[in-house]
Amino acid sequence: LDLVAGEPAEAVAAAQAAVDAPEGIGTITSYVTEVALPVKDTWKNPAI
C-alpha cells in the first residue's frame, strides 16, 4: 500500500481491496511445471 500512496483514489481502493481479500491458493512454487532431470555422462551416451 505504500507504493500506491498519492495515486488516484480508485487505485488506492483497488489495492486496499486486494489486501483485504482472502489468501490465494498456494505460492508461485506451487505451480512449477518444469523439473530438473538427472543426467550423468552425456546426452549422446547417458548413464543408466
ModelCIF file with pLDDT and N, C-alpha, C, O atoms, coordinates in Angstrom:
data_MODEL
#
_entry.id   MODEL 
#
_entity.id                         1 
_entity.type                       polymer 
_entity.pdbx_number_of_molecules   1 
#
_entity_poly.entity_id                      1 
_entity_poly.type                           'polypeptide(L)' 
_entity_poly.nstd_linkage                   no 
_entity_poly.nstd_monomer                   no 
_entity_poly.pdbx_seq_one_letter_code       LDLVAGEPAEAVAAAQAAVDAPEGIGTITSYVTEVALPVKDTWKNPAI 
_entity_poly.pdbx_seq_one_letter_code_can   LDLVAGEPAEAVAAAQAAVDAPEGIGTITSYVTEVALPVKDTWKNPAI 
_entity_poly.pdbx_strand_id                 A 
#
loop_
_entity_poly_seq.entity_id 
_entity_poly_seq.num 
_entity_poly_seq.mon_id 
_entity_poly_seq.hetero 
1 1  LEU n 
1 2  ASP n 
1 3  LEU n 
1 4  VAL n 
1 5  ALA n 
1 6  GLY n 
1 7  GLU n 
1 8  PRO n 
1 9  ALA n 
1 10 GLU n 
1 11 ALA n 
1 12 VAL n 
1 13 ALA n 
1 14 ALA n 
1 15 ALA n 
1 16 GLN n 
1 17 ALA n 
1 18 ALA n 
1 19 VAL n 
1 20 ASP n 
1 21 ALA n 
1 22 PRO n 
1 23 GLU n 
1 24 GLY n 
1 25 ILE n 
1 26 GLY n 
1 27 THR n 
1 28 ILE n 
1 29 THR n 
1 30 SER n 
1 31 TYR n 
1 32 VAL n 
1 33 THR n 
1 34 GLU n 
1 35 VAL n 
1 36 ALA n 
1 37 LEU n 
1 38 PRO n 
1 39 VAL n 
1 40 LYS n 
1 41 ASP n 
1 42 THR n 
1 43 TRP n 
1 44 LYS n 
1 45 ASN n 
1 46 PRO n 
1 47 ALA n 
1 48 ILE n 
#
_struct_asym.id          A 
_struct_asym.entity_id   1 
#
loop_
_ma_qa_metric.id 
_ma_qa_metric.mode 
_ma_qa_metric.name 
_ma_qa_metric.software_group_id 
_ma_qa_metric.type 
1 global pLDDT . pLDDT 
2 local  pLDDT . pLDDT 
#
_ma_qa_metric_global.metric_id      1 
_ma_qa_metric_global.metric_value   81.85 
_ma_qa_metric_global.model_id       1 
_ma_qa_metric_global.ordinal_id     1 
#
loop_
_ma_qa_metric_local.label_asym_id 
_ma_qa_metric_local.label_comp_id 
_ma_qa_metric_local.label_seq_id 
_ma_qa_metric_local.metric_id 
_ma_qa_metric_local.metric_value 
_ma_qa_metric_local.model_id 
_ma_qa_metric_local.ordinal_id 
A LEU 1  2 94.00 1 1  
A ASP 2  2 95.00 1 2  
A LEU 3  2 93.00 1 3  
A VAL 4  2 93.00 1 4  
A ALA 5  2 92.00 1 5  
A GLY 6  2 92.00 1 6  
A GLU 7  2 92.00 1 7  
A PRO 8  2 92.00 1 8  
A ALA 9  2 93.00 1 9  
A GLU 10 2 92.00 1 10 
A ALA 11 2 91.00 1 11 
A VAL 12 2 93.00 1 12 
A ALA 13 2 93.00 1 13 
A ALA 14 2 91.00 1 14 
A ALA 15 2 91.00 1 15 
A GLN 16 2 94.00 1 16 
A ALA 17 2 90.00 1 17 
A ALA 18 2 87.00 1 18 
A VAL 19 2 91.00 1 19 
A ASP 20 2 92.00 1 20 
A ALA 21 2 86.00 1 21 
A PRO 22 2 86.00 1 22 
A GLU 23 2 84.00 1 23 
A GLY 24 2 82.00 1 24 
A ILE 25 2 84.00 1 25 
A GLY 26 2 77.00 1 26 
A THR 27 2 76.00 1 27 
A ILE 28 2 74.00 1 28 
A THR 29 2 76.00 1 29 
A SER 30 2 75.00 1 30 
A TYR 31 2 74.00 1 31 
A VAL 32 2 74.00 1 32 
A THR 33 2 73.00 1 33 
A GLU 34 2 71.00 1 34 
A VAL 35 2 67.00 1 35 
A ALA 36 2 67.00 1 36 
A LEU 37 2 67.00 1 37 
A PRO 38 2 64.00 1 38 
A VAL 39 2 69.00 1 39 
A LYS 40 2 76.00 1 40 
A ASP 41 2 76.00 1 41 
A THR 42 2 72.00 1 42 
A TRP 43 2 64.00 1 43 
A LYS 44 2 71.00 1 44 
A ASN 45 2 75.00 1 45 
A PRO 46 2 73.00 1 46 
A ALA 47 2 78.00 1 47 
A ILE 48 2 77.00 1 48 
#
loop_
_atom_site.group_PDB 
_atom_site.id 
_atom_site.type_symbol 
_atom_site.label_atom_id 
_atom_site.label_alt_id 
_atom_site.label_comp_id 
_atom_site.label_asym_id 
_atom_site.label_entity_id 
_atom_site.label_seq_id 
_atom_site.pdbx_PDB_ins_code 
_atom_site.Cartn_x 
_atom_site.Cartn_y 
_atom_site.Cartn_z 
_atom_site.occupancy 
_atom_site.B_iso_or_equiv 
_atom_site.pdbx_formal_charge 
_atom_site.auth_seq_id 
_atom_site.auth_comp_id 
_atom_site.auth_asym_id 
_atom_site.auth_atom_id 
_atom_site.pdbx_PDB_model_num 
ATOM 1   N N  . LEU A 1 1  ? 0.816  -1.218  0.000   1.00 94.00 ? 1  LEU A N  1 
ATOM 2   C CA . LEU A 1 1  ? 0.000  0.000   0.000   1.00 94.00 ? 1  LEU A CA 1 
ATOM 3   C C  . LEU A 1 1  ? 0.850  1.269   0.000   1.00 94.00 ? 1  LEU A C  1 
ATOM 4   O O  . LEU A 1 1  ? 0.394  2.317   -0.456  1.00 94.00 ? 1  LEU A O  1 
ATOM 5   N N  . ASP A 1 2  ? 2.085  1.183   0.509   1.00 95.00 ? 2  ASP A N  1 
ATOM 6   C CA . ASP A 1 2  ? 2.953  2.358   0.488   1.00 95.00 ? 2  ASP A CA 1 
ATOM 7   C C  . ASP A 1 2  ? 3.290  2.775   -0.939  1.00 95.00 ? 2  ASP A C  1 
ATOM 8   O O  . ASP A 1 2  ? 3.549  3.950   -1.200  1.00 95.00 ? 2  ASP A O  1 
ATOM 9   N N  . LEU A 1 3  ? 3.287  1.810   -1.865  1.00 93.00 ? 3  LEU A N  1 
ATOM 10  C CA . LEU A 1 3  ? 3.639  2.126   -3.247  1.00 93.00 ? 3  LEU A CA 1 
ATOM 11  C C  . LEU A 1 3  ? 2.514  2.841   -3.996  1.00 93.00 ? 3  LEU A C  1 
ATOM 12  O O  . LEU A 1 3  ? 2.757  3.457   -5.034  1.00 93.00 ? 3  LEU A O  1 
ATOM 13  N N  . VAL A 1 4  ? 1.289  2.764   -3.480  1.00 93.00 ? 4  VAL A N  1 
ATOM 14  C CA . VAL A 1 4  ? 0.173  3.440   -4.158  1.00 93.00 ? 4  VAL A CA 1 
ATOM 15  C C  . VAL A 1 4  ? -0.227 4.729   -3.452  1.00 93.00 ? 4  VAL A C  1 
ATOM 16  O O  . VAL A 1 4  ? -1.176 5.396   -3.863  1.00 93.00 ? 4  VAL A O  1 
ATOM 17  N N  . ALA A 1 5  ? 0.491  5.081   -2.396  1.00 92.00 ? 5  ALA A N  1 
ATOM 18  C CA . ALA A 1 5  ? 0.203  6.345   -1.701  1.00 92.00 ? 5  ALA A CA 1 
ATOM 19  C C  . ALA A 1 5  ? 0.350  7.490   -2.697  1.00 92.00 ? 5  ALA A C  1 
ATOM 20  O O  . ALA A 1 5  ? 1.347  7.572   -3.415  1.00 92.00 ? 5  ALA A O  1 
ATOM 21  N N  . GLY A 1 6  ? -0.641 8.367   -2.737  1.00 92.00 ? 6  GLY A N  1 
ATOM 22  C CA . GLY A 1 6  ? -0.591 9.503   -3.650  1.00 92.00 ? 6  GLY A CA 1 
ATOM 23  C C  . GLY A 1 6  ? -1.169 9.213   -5.024  1.00 92.00 ? 6  GLY A C  1 
ATOM 24  O O  . GLY A 1 6  ? -1.274 10.117  -5.853  1.00 92.00 ? 6  GLY A O  1 
ATOM 25  N N  . GLU A 1 7  ? -1.547 7.965   -5.277  1.00 92.00 ? 7  GLU A N  1 
ATOM 26  C CA . GLU A 1 7  ? -2.171 7.611   -6.555  1.00 92.00 ? 7  GLU A CA 1 
ATOM 27  C C  . GLU A 1 7  ? -3.654 7.963   -6.494  1.00 92.00 ? 7  GLU A C  1 
ATOM 28  O O  . GLU A 1 7  ? -4.160 8.290   -5.420  1.00 92.00 ? 7  GLU A O  1 
ATOM 29  N N  . PRO A 1 8  ? -4.368 7.904   -7.634  1.00 92.00 ? 8  PRO A N  1 
ATOM 30  C CA . PRO A 1 8  ? -5.804 8.205   -7.616  1.00 92.00 ? 8  PRO A CA 1 
ATOM 31  C C  . PRO A 1 8  ? -6.548 7.294   -6.632  1.00 92.00 ? 8  PRO A C  1 
ATOM 32  O O  . PRO A 1 8  ? -6.135 6.162   -6.381  1.00 92.00 ? 8  PRO A O  1 
ATOM 33  N N  . ALA A 1 9  ? -7.641 7.803   -6.089  1.00 93.00 ? 9  ALA A N  1 
ATOM 34  C CA . ALA A 1 9  ? -8.420 7.085   -5.076  1.00 93.00 ? 9  ALA A CA 1 
ATOM 35  C C  . ALA A 1 9  ? -8.849 5.701   -5.559  1.00 93.00 ? 9  ALA A C  1 
ATOM 36  O O  . ALA A 1 9  ? -8.893 4.754   -4.774  1.00 93.00 ? 9  ALA A O  1 
ATOM 37  N N  . GLU A 1 10 ? -9.168 5.582   -6.864  1.00 92.00 ? 10 GLU A N  1 
ATOM 38  C CA . GLU A 1 10 ? -9.595 4.282   -7.390  1.00 92.00 ? 10 GLU A CA 1 
ATOM 39  C C  . GLU A 1 10 ? -8.471 3.252   -7.283  1.00 92.00 ? 10 GLU A C  1 
ATOM 40  O O  . GLU A 1 10 ? -8.722 2.090   -6.964  1.00 92.00 ? 10 GLU A O  1 
ATOM 41  N N  . ALA A 1 11 ? -7.227 3.677   -7.549  1.00 91.00 ? 11 ALA A N  1 
ATOM 42  C CA . ALA A 1 11 ? -6.080 2.777   -7.465  1.00 91.00 ? 11 ALA A CA 1 
ATOM 43  C C  . ALA A 1 11 ? -5.828 2.353   -6.025  1.00 91.00 ? 11 ALA A C  1 
ATOM 44  O O  . ALA A 1 11 ? -5.546 1.187   -5.751  1.00 91.00 ? 11 ALA A O  1 
ATOM 45  N N  . VAL A 1 12 ? -5.932 3.317   -5.102  1.00 93.00 ? 12 VAL A N  1 
ATOM 46  C CA . VAL A 1 12 ? -5.735 3.011   -3.680  1.00 93.00 ? 12 VAL A CA 1 
ATOM 47  C C  . VAL A 1 12 ? -6.829 2.059   -3.209  1.00 93.00 ? 12 VAL A C  1 
ATOM 48  O O  . VAL A 1 12 ? -6.549 1.112   -2.475  1.00 93.00 ? 12 VAL A O  1 
ATOM 49  N N  . ALA A 1 13 ? -8.069 2.298   -3.622  1.00 93.00 ? 13 ALA A N  1 
ATOM 50  C CA . ALA A 1 13 ? -9.188 1.435   -3.215  1.00 93.00 ? 13 ALA A CA 1 
ATOM 51  C C  . ALA A 1 13 ? -9.011 0.021   -3.765  1.00 93.00 ? 13 ALA A C  1 
ATOM 52  O O  . ALA A 1 13 ? -9.285 -0.956  -3.068  1.00 93.00 ? 13 ALA A O  1 
ATOM 53  N N  . ALA A 1 14 ? -8.558 -0.087  -5.006  1.00 91.00 ? 14 ALA A N  1 
ATOM 54  C CA . ALA A 1 14 ? -8.335 -1.415  -5.596  1.00 91.00 ? 14 ALA A CA 1 
ATOM 55  C C  . ALA A 1 14 ? -7.224 -2.153  -4.865  1.00 91.00 ? 14 ALA A C  1 
ATOM 56  O O  . ALA A 1 14 ? -7.337 -3.351  -4.607  1.00 91.00 ? 14 ALA A O  1 
ATOM 57  N N  . ALA A 1 15 ? -6.148 -1.441  -4.529  1.00 91.00 ? 15 ALA A N  1 
ATOM 58  C CA . ALA A 1 15 ? -5.049 -2.055  -3.793  1.00 91.00 ? 15 ALA A CA 1 
ATOM 59  C C  . ALA A 1 15 ? -5.512 -2.493  -2.409  1.00 91.00 ? 15 ALA A C  1 
ATOM 60  O O  . ALA A 1 15 ? -5.158 -3.579  -1.951  1.00 91.00 ? 15 ALA A O  1 
ATOM 61  N N  . GLN A 1 16 ? -6.307 -1.651  -1.737  1.00 94.00 ? 16 GLN A N  1 
ATOM 62  C CA . GLN A 1 16 ? -6.814 -1.997  -0.409  1.00 94.00 ? 16 GLN A CA 1 
ATOM 63  C C  . GLN A 1 16 ? -7.733 -3.213  -0.483  1.00 94.00 ? 16 GLN A C  1 
ATOM 64  O O  . GLN A 1 16 ? -7.698 -4.070  0.401   1.00 94.00 ? 16 GLN A O  1 
ATOM 65  N N  . ALA A 1 17 ? -8.559 -3.296  -1.539  1.00 90.00 ? 17 ALA A N  1 
ATOM 66  C CA . ALA A 1 17 ? -9.444 -4.455  -1.705  1.00 90.00 ? 17 ALA A CA 1 
ATOM 67  C C  . ALA A 1 17 ? -8.626 -5.727  -1.883  1.00 90.00 ? 17 ALA A C  1 
ATOM 68  O O  . ALA A 1 17 ? -8.997 -6.780  -1.364  1.00 90.00 ? 17 ALA A O  1 
ATOM 69  N N  . ALA A 1 18 ? -7.513 -5.638  -2.614  1.00 87.00 ? 18 ALA A N  1 
ATOM 70  C CA . ALA A 1 18 ? -6.649 -6.810  -2.802  1.00 87.00 ? 18 ALA A CA 1 
ATOM 71  C C  . ALA A 1 18 ? -5.997 -7.220  -1.486  1.00 87.00 ? 18 ALA A C  1 
ATOM 72  O O  . ALA A 1 18 ? -5.849 -8.410  -1.208  1.00 87.00 ? 18 ALA A O  1 
ATOM 73  N N  . VAL A 1 19 ? -5.607 -6.234  -0.674  1.00 91.00 ? 19 VAL A N  1 
ATOM 74  C CA . VAL A 1 19 ? -5.010 -6.539  0.631   1.00 91.00 ? 19 VAL A CA 1 
ATOM 75  C C  . VAL A 1 19 ? -6.037 -7.210  1.540   1.00 91.00 ? 19 VAL A C  1 
ATOM 76  O O  . VAL A 1 19 ? -5.703 -8.132  2.284   1.00 91.00 ? 19 VAL A O  1 
ATOM 77  N N  . ASP A 1 20 ? -7.287 -6.748  1.478   1.00 92.00 ? 20 ASP A N  1 
ATOM 78  C CA . ASP A 1 20 ? -8.345 -7.278  2.339   1.00 92.00 ? 20 ASP A CA 1 
ATOM 79  C C  . ASP A 1 20 ? -8.907 -8.615  1.850   1.00 92.00 ? 20 ASP A C  1 
ATOM 80  O O  . ASP A 1 20 ? -9.597 -9.304  2.601   1.00 92.00 ? 20 ASP A O  1 
ATOM 81  N N  . ALA A 1 21 ? -8.621 -8.987  0.609   1.00 86.00 ? 21 ALA A N  1 
ATOM 82  C CA . ALA A 1 21 ? -9.163 -10.229 0.036   1.00 86.00 ? 21 ALA A CA 1 
ATOM 83  C C  . ALA A 1 21 ? -8.558 -11.444 0.739   1.00 86.00 ? 21 ALA A C  1 
ATOM 84  O O  . ALA A 1 21 ? -7.478 -11.355 1.324   1.00 86.00 ? 21 ALA A O  1 
ATOM 85  N N  . PRO A 1 22 ? -9.258 -12.580 0.680   1.00 86.00 ? 22 PRO A N  1 
ATOM 86  C CA . PRO A 1 22 ? -8.701 -13.794 1.299   1.00 86.00 ? 22 PRO A CA 1 
ATOM 87  C C  . PRO A 1 22 ? -7.406 -14.220 0.611   1.00 86.00 ? 22 PRO A C  1 
ATOM 88  O O  . PRO A 1 22 ? -7.134 -13.832 -0.525  1.00 86.00 ? 22 PRO A O  1 
ATOM 89  N N  . GLU A 1 23 ? -6.618 -15.022 1.318   1.00 84.00 ? 23 GLU A N  1 
ATOM 90  C CA . GLU A 1 23 ? -5.362 -15.523 0.766   1.00 84.00 ? 23 GLU A CA 1 
ATOM 91  C C  . GLU A 1 23 ? -5.637 -16.332 -0.499  1.00 84.00 ? 23 GLU A C  1 
ATOM 92  O O  . GLU A 1 23 ? -6.723 -16.883 -0.675  1.00 84.00 ? 23 GLU A O  1 
ATOM 93  N N  . GLY A 1 24 ? -4.647 -16.394 -1.364  1.00 82.00 ? 24 GLY A N  1 
ATOM 94  C CA . GLY A 1 24 ? -4.769 -17.182 -2.589  1.00 82.00 ? 24 GLY A CA 1 
ATOM 95  C C  . GLY A 1 24 ? -4.503 -18.652 -2.326  1.00 82.00 ? 24 GLY A C  1 
ATOM 96  O O  . GLY A 1 24 ? -4.403 -19.085 -1.178  1.00 82.00 ? 24 GLY A O  1 
ATOM 97  N N  . ILE A 1 25 ? -4.392 -19.400 -3.389  1.00 84.00 ? 25 ILE A N  1 
ATOM 98  C CA . ILE A 1 25 ? -4.175 -20.846 -3.308  1.00 84.00 ? 25 ILE A CA 1 
ATOM 99  C C  . ILE A 1 25 ? -2.710 -21.126 -3.601  1.00 84.00 ? 25 ILE A C  1 
ATOM 100 O O  . ILE A 1 25 ? -2.300 -21.083 -4.761  1.00 84.00 ? 25 ILE A O  1 
ATOM 101 N N  . GLY A 1 26 ? -1.919 -21.410 -2.591  1.00 77.00 ? 26 GLY A N  1 
ATOM 102 C CA . GLY A 1 26 ? -0.531 -21.791 -2.790  1.00 77.00 ? 26 GLY A CA 1 
ATOM 103 C C  . GLY A 1 26 ? 0.395  -20.603 -3.008  1.00 77.00 ? 26 GLY A C  1 
ATOM 104 O O  . GLY A 1 26 ? 0.025  -19.448 -2.795  1.00 77.00 ? 26 GLY A O  1 
ATOM 105 N N  . THR A 1 27 ? 1.596  -20.919 -3.434  1.00 76.00 ? 27 THR A N  1 
ATOM 106 C CA . THR A 1 27 ? 2.621  -19.924 -3.730  1.00 76.00 ? 27 THR A CA 1 
ATOM 107 C C  . THR A 1 27 ? 3.049  -20.117 -5.174  1.00 76.00 ? 27 THR A C  1 
ATOM 108 O O  . THR A 1 27 ? 2.600  -21.052 -5.837  1.00 76.00 ? 27 THR A O  1 
ATOM 109 N N  . ILE A 1 28 ? 3.902  -19.249 -5.658  1.00 74.00 ? 28 ILE A N  1 
ATOM 110 C CA . ILE A 1 28 ? 4.356  -19.363 -7.047  1.00 74.00 ? 28 ILE A CA 1 
ATOM 111 C C  . ILE A 1 28 ? 5.032  -20.712 -7.285  1.00 74.00 ? 28 ILE A C  1 
ATOM 112 O O  . ILE A 1 28 ? 4.922  -21.270 -8.377  1.00 74.00 ? 28 ILE A O  1 
ATOM 113 N N  . THR A 1 29 ? 5.726  -21.239 -6.285  1.00 76.00 ? 29 THR A N  1 
ATOM 114 C CA . THR A 1 29 ? 6.394  -22.530 -6.462  1.00 76.00 ? 29 THR A CA 1 
ATOM 115 C C  . THR A 1 29 ? 5.405  -23.687 -6.512  1.00 76.00 ? 29 THR A C  1 
ATOM 116 O O  . THR A 1 29 ? 5.768  -24.788 -6.925  1.00 76.00 ? 29 THR A O  1 
ATOM 117 N N  . SER A 1 30 ? 4.160  -23.456 -6.099  1.00 75.00 ? 30 SER A N  1 
ATOM 118 C CA . SER A 1 30 ? 3.142  -24.500 -6.194  1.00 75.00 ? 30 SER A CA 1 
ATOM 119 C C  . SER A 1 30 ? 2.782  -24.806 -7.649  1.00 75.00 ? 30 SER A C  1 
ATOM 120 O O  . SER A 1 30 ? 2.186  -25.843 -7.941  1.00 75.00 ? 30 SER A O  1 
ATOM 121 N N  . TYR A 1 31 ? 3.141  -23.913 -8.543  1.00 74.00 ? 31 TYR A N  1 
ATOM 122 C CA . TYR A 1 31 ? 2.724  -24.042 -9.942  1.00 74.00 ? 31 TYR A CA 1 
ATOM 123 C C  . TYR A 1 31 ? 3.887  -24.316 -10.890 1.00 74.00 ? 31 TYR A C  1 
ATOM 124 O O  . TYR A 1 31 ? 3.780  -24.069 -12.091 1.00 74.00 ? 31 TYR A O  1 
ATOM 125 N N  . VAL A 1 32 ? 4.982  -24.816 -10.365 1.00 74.00 ? 32 VAL A N  1 
ATOM 126 C CA . VAL A 1 32 ? 6.141  -25.124 -11.197 1.00 74.00 ? 32 VAL A CA 1 
ATOM 127 C C  . VAL A 1 32 ? 5.770  -26.225 -12.187 1.00 74.00 ? 32 VAL A C  1 
ATOM 128 O O  . VAL A 1 32 ? 5.176  -27.234 -11.810 1.00 74.00 ? 32 VAL A O  1 
ATOM 129 N N  . THR A 1 33 ? 6.119  -26.026 -13.437 1.00 73.00 ? 33 THR A N  1 
ATOM 130 C CA . THR A 1 33 ? 5.802  -27.028 -14.460 1.00 73.00 ? 33 THR A CA 1 
ATOM 131 C C  . THR A 1 33 ? 7.037  -27.678 -15.050 1.00 73.00 ? 33 THR A C  1 
ATOM 132 O O  . THR A 1 33 ? 6.928  -28.567 -15.895 1.00 73.00 ? 33 THR A O  1 
ATOM 133 N N  . GLU A 1 34 ? 8.219  -27.241 -14.613 1.00 71.00 ? 34 GLU A N  1 
ATOM 134 C CA . GLU A 1 34 ? 9.457  -27.828 -15.119 1.00 71.00 ? 34 GLU A CA 1 
ATOM 135 C C  . GLU A 1 34 ? 10.194 -28.482 -13.964 1.00 71.00 ? 34 GLU A C  1 
ATOM 136 O O  . GLU A 1 34 ? 10.184 -27.982 -12.839 1.00 71.00 ? 34 GLU A O  1 
ATOM 137 N N  . VAL A 1 35 ? 10.821 -29.587 -14.252 1.00 67.00 ? 35 VAL A N  1 
ATOM 138 C CA . VAL A 1 35 ? 11.627 -30.263 -13.243 1.00 67.00 ? 35 VAL A CA 1 
ATOM 139 C C  . VAL A 1 35 ? 13.009 -30.532 -13.821 1.00 67.00 ? 35 VAL A C  1 
ATOM 140 O O  . VAL A 1 35 ? 13.162 -30.726 -15.027 1.00 67.00 ? 35 VAL A O  1 
ATOM 141 N N  . ALA A 1 36 ? 14.004 -30.543 -12.958 1.00 67.00 ? 36 ALA A N  1 
ATOM 142 C CA . ALA A 1 36 ? 15.354 -30.885 -13.403 1.00 67.00 ? 36 ALA A CA 1 
ATOM 143 C C  . ALA A 1 36 ? 15.446 -32.401 -13.511 1.00 67.00 ? 36 ALA A C  1 
ATOM 144 O O  . ALA A 1 36 ? 15.056 -33.116 -12.588 1.00 67.00 ? 36 ALA A O  1 
ATOM 145 N N  . LEU A 1 37 ? 15.950 -32.880 -14.608 1.00 67.00 ? 37 LEU A N  1 
ATOM 146 C CA . LEU A 1 37 ? 16.103 -34.309 -14.814 1.00 67.00 ? 37 LEU A CA 1 
ATOM 147 C C  . LEU A 1 37 ? 17.528 -34.730 -14.484 1.00 67.00 ? 37 LEU A C  1 
ATOM 148 O O  . LEU A 1 37 ? 18.477 -34.003 -14.775 1.00 67.00 ? 37 LEU A O  1 
ATOM 149 N N  . PRO A 1 38 ? 17.679 -35.897 -13.879 1.00 64.00 ? 38 PRO A N  1 
ATOM 150 C CA . PRO A 1 38 ? 19.036 -36.344 -13.565 1.00 64.00 ? 38 PRO A CA 1 
ATOM 151 C C  . PRO A 1 38 ? 19.776 -36.727 -14.846 1.00 64.00 ? 38 PRO A C  1 
ATOM 152 O O  . PRO A 1 38 ? 19.260 -37.480 -15.671 1.00 64.00 ? 38 PRO A O  1 
ATOM 153 N N  . VAL A 1 39 ? 20.966 -36.211 -14.997 1.00 69.00 ? 39 VAL A N  1 
ATOM 154 C CA . VAL A 1 39 ? 21.760 -36.532 -16.178 1.00 69.00 ? 39 VAL A CA 1 
ATOM 155 C C  . VAL A 1 39 ? 23.181 -36.835 -15.730 1.00 69.00 ? 39 VAL A C  1 
ATOM 156 O O  . VAL A 1 39 ? 23.816 -36.035 -15.042 1.00 69.00 ? 39 VAL A O  1 
ATOM 157 N N  . LYS A 1 40 ? 23.655 -37.974 -16.121 1.00 76.00 ? 40 LYS A N  1 
ATOM 158 C CA . LYS A 1 40 ? 25.050 -38.331 -15.877 1.00 76.00 ? 40 LYS A CA 1 
ATOM 159 C C  . LYS A 1 40 ? 25.649 -38.712 -17.211 1.00 76.00 ? 40 LYS A C  1 
ATOM 160 O O  . LYS A 1 40 ? 24.938 -39.166 -18.106 1.00 76.00 ? 40 LYS A O  1 
ATOM 161 N N  . ASP A 1 41 ? 26.918 -38.537 -17.349 1.00 76.00 ? 41 ASP A N  1 
ATOM 162 C CA . ASP A 1 41 ? 27.644 -38.759 -18.596 1.00 76.00 ? 41 ASP A CA 1 
ATOM 163 C C  . ASP A 1 41 ? 27.208 -37.718 -19.616 1.00 76.00 ? 41 ASP A C  1 
ATOM 164 O O  . ASP A 1 41 ? 27.271 -36.530 -19.301 1.00 76.00 ? 41 ASP A O  1 
ATOM 165 N N  . THR A 1 42 ? 26.772 -38.080 -20.808 1.00 72.00 ? 42 THR A N  1 
ATOM 166 C CA . THR A 1 42 ? 26.420 -37.106 -21.839 1.00 72.00 ? 42 THR A CA 1 
ATOM 167 C C  . THR A 1 42 ? 25.042 -37.420 -22.392 1.00 72.00 ? 42 THR A C  1 
ATOM 168 O O  . THR A 1 42 ? 24.487 -38.489 -22.138 1.00 72.00 ? 42 THR A O  1 
ATOM 169 N N  . TRP A 1 43 ? 24.485 -36.464 -23.163 1.00 64.00 ? 43 TRP A N  1 
ATOM 170 C CA . TRP A 1 43 ? 23.185 -36.715 -23.788 1.00 64.00 ? 43 TRP A CA 1 
ATOM 171 C C  . TRP A 1 43 ? 23.291 -37.839 -24.817 1.00 64.00 ? 43 TRP A C  1 
ATOM 172 O O  . TRP A 1 43 ? 22.353 -38.621 -24.975 1.00 64.00 ? 43 TRP A O  1 
ATOM 173 N N  . LYS A 1 44 ? 24.424 -37.928 -25.518 1.00 71.00 ? 44 LYS A N  1 
ATOM 174 C CA . LYS A 1 44 ? 24.574 -38.979 -26.531 1.00 71.00 ? 44 LYS A CA 1 
ATOM 175 C C  . LYS A 1 44 ? 24.844 -40.334 -25.900 1.00 71.00 ? 44 LYS A C  1 
ATOM 176 O O  . LYS A 1 44 ? 24.504 -41.369 -26.475 1.00 71.00 ? 44 LYS A O  1 
ATOM 177 N N  . ASN A 1 45 ? 25.452 -40.332 -24.725 1.00 75.00 ? 45 ASN A N  1 
ATOM 178 C CA . ASN A 1 45 ? 25.775 -41.584 -24.053 1.00 75.00 ? 45 ASN A CA 1 
ATOM 179 C C  . ASN A 1 45 ? 25.399 -41.461 -22.574 1.00 75.00 ? 45 ASN A C  1 
ATOM 180 O O  . ASN A 1 45 ? 26.278 -41.384 -21.716 1.00 75.00 ? 45 ASN A O  1 
ATOM 181 N N  . PRO A 1 46 ? 24.063 -41.443 -22.267 1.00 73.00 ? 46 PRO A N  1 
ATOM 182 C CA . PRO A 1 46 ? 23.648 -41.240 -20.884 1.00 73.00 ? 46 PRO A CA 1 
ATOM 183 C C  . PRO A 1 46 ? 23.884 -42.465 -20.014 1.00 73.00 ? 46 PRO A C  1 
ATOM 184 O O  . PRO A 1 46 ? 23.842 -43.599 -20.490 1.00 73.00 ? 46 PRO A O  1 
ATOM 185 N N  . ALA A 1 47 ? 24.132 -42.221 -18.737 1.00 78.00 ? 47 ALA A N  1 
ATOM 186 C CA . ALA A 1 47 ? 24.286 -43.313 -17.780 1.00 78.00 ? 47 ALA A CA 1 
ATOM 187 C C  . ALA A 1 47 ? 22.917 -43.915 -17.488 1.00 78.00 ? 47 ALA A C  1 
ATOM 188 O O  . ALA A 1 47 ? 21.893 -43.290 -17.764 1.00 78.00 ? 47 ALA A O  1 
ATOM 189 N N  . ILE A 1 48 ? 22.893 -45.098 -16.944 1.00 77.00 ? 48 ILE A N  1 
ATOM 190 C CA . ILE A 1 48 ? 21.634 -45.757 -16.583 1.00 77.00 ? 48 ILE A CA 1 
ATOM 191 C C  . ILE A 1 48 ? 20.894 -44.880 -15.581 1.00 77.00 ? 48 ILE A C  1 
ATOM 192 O O  . ILE A 1 48 ? 19.803 -45.237 -15.135 1.00 77.00 ? 48 ILE A O  1 
#
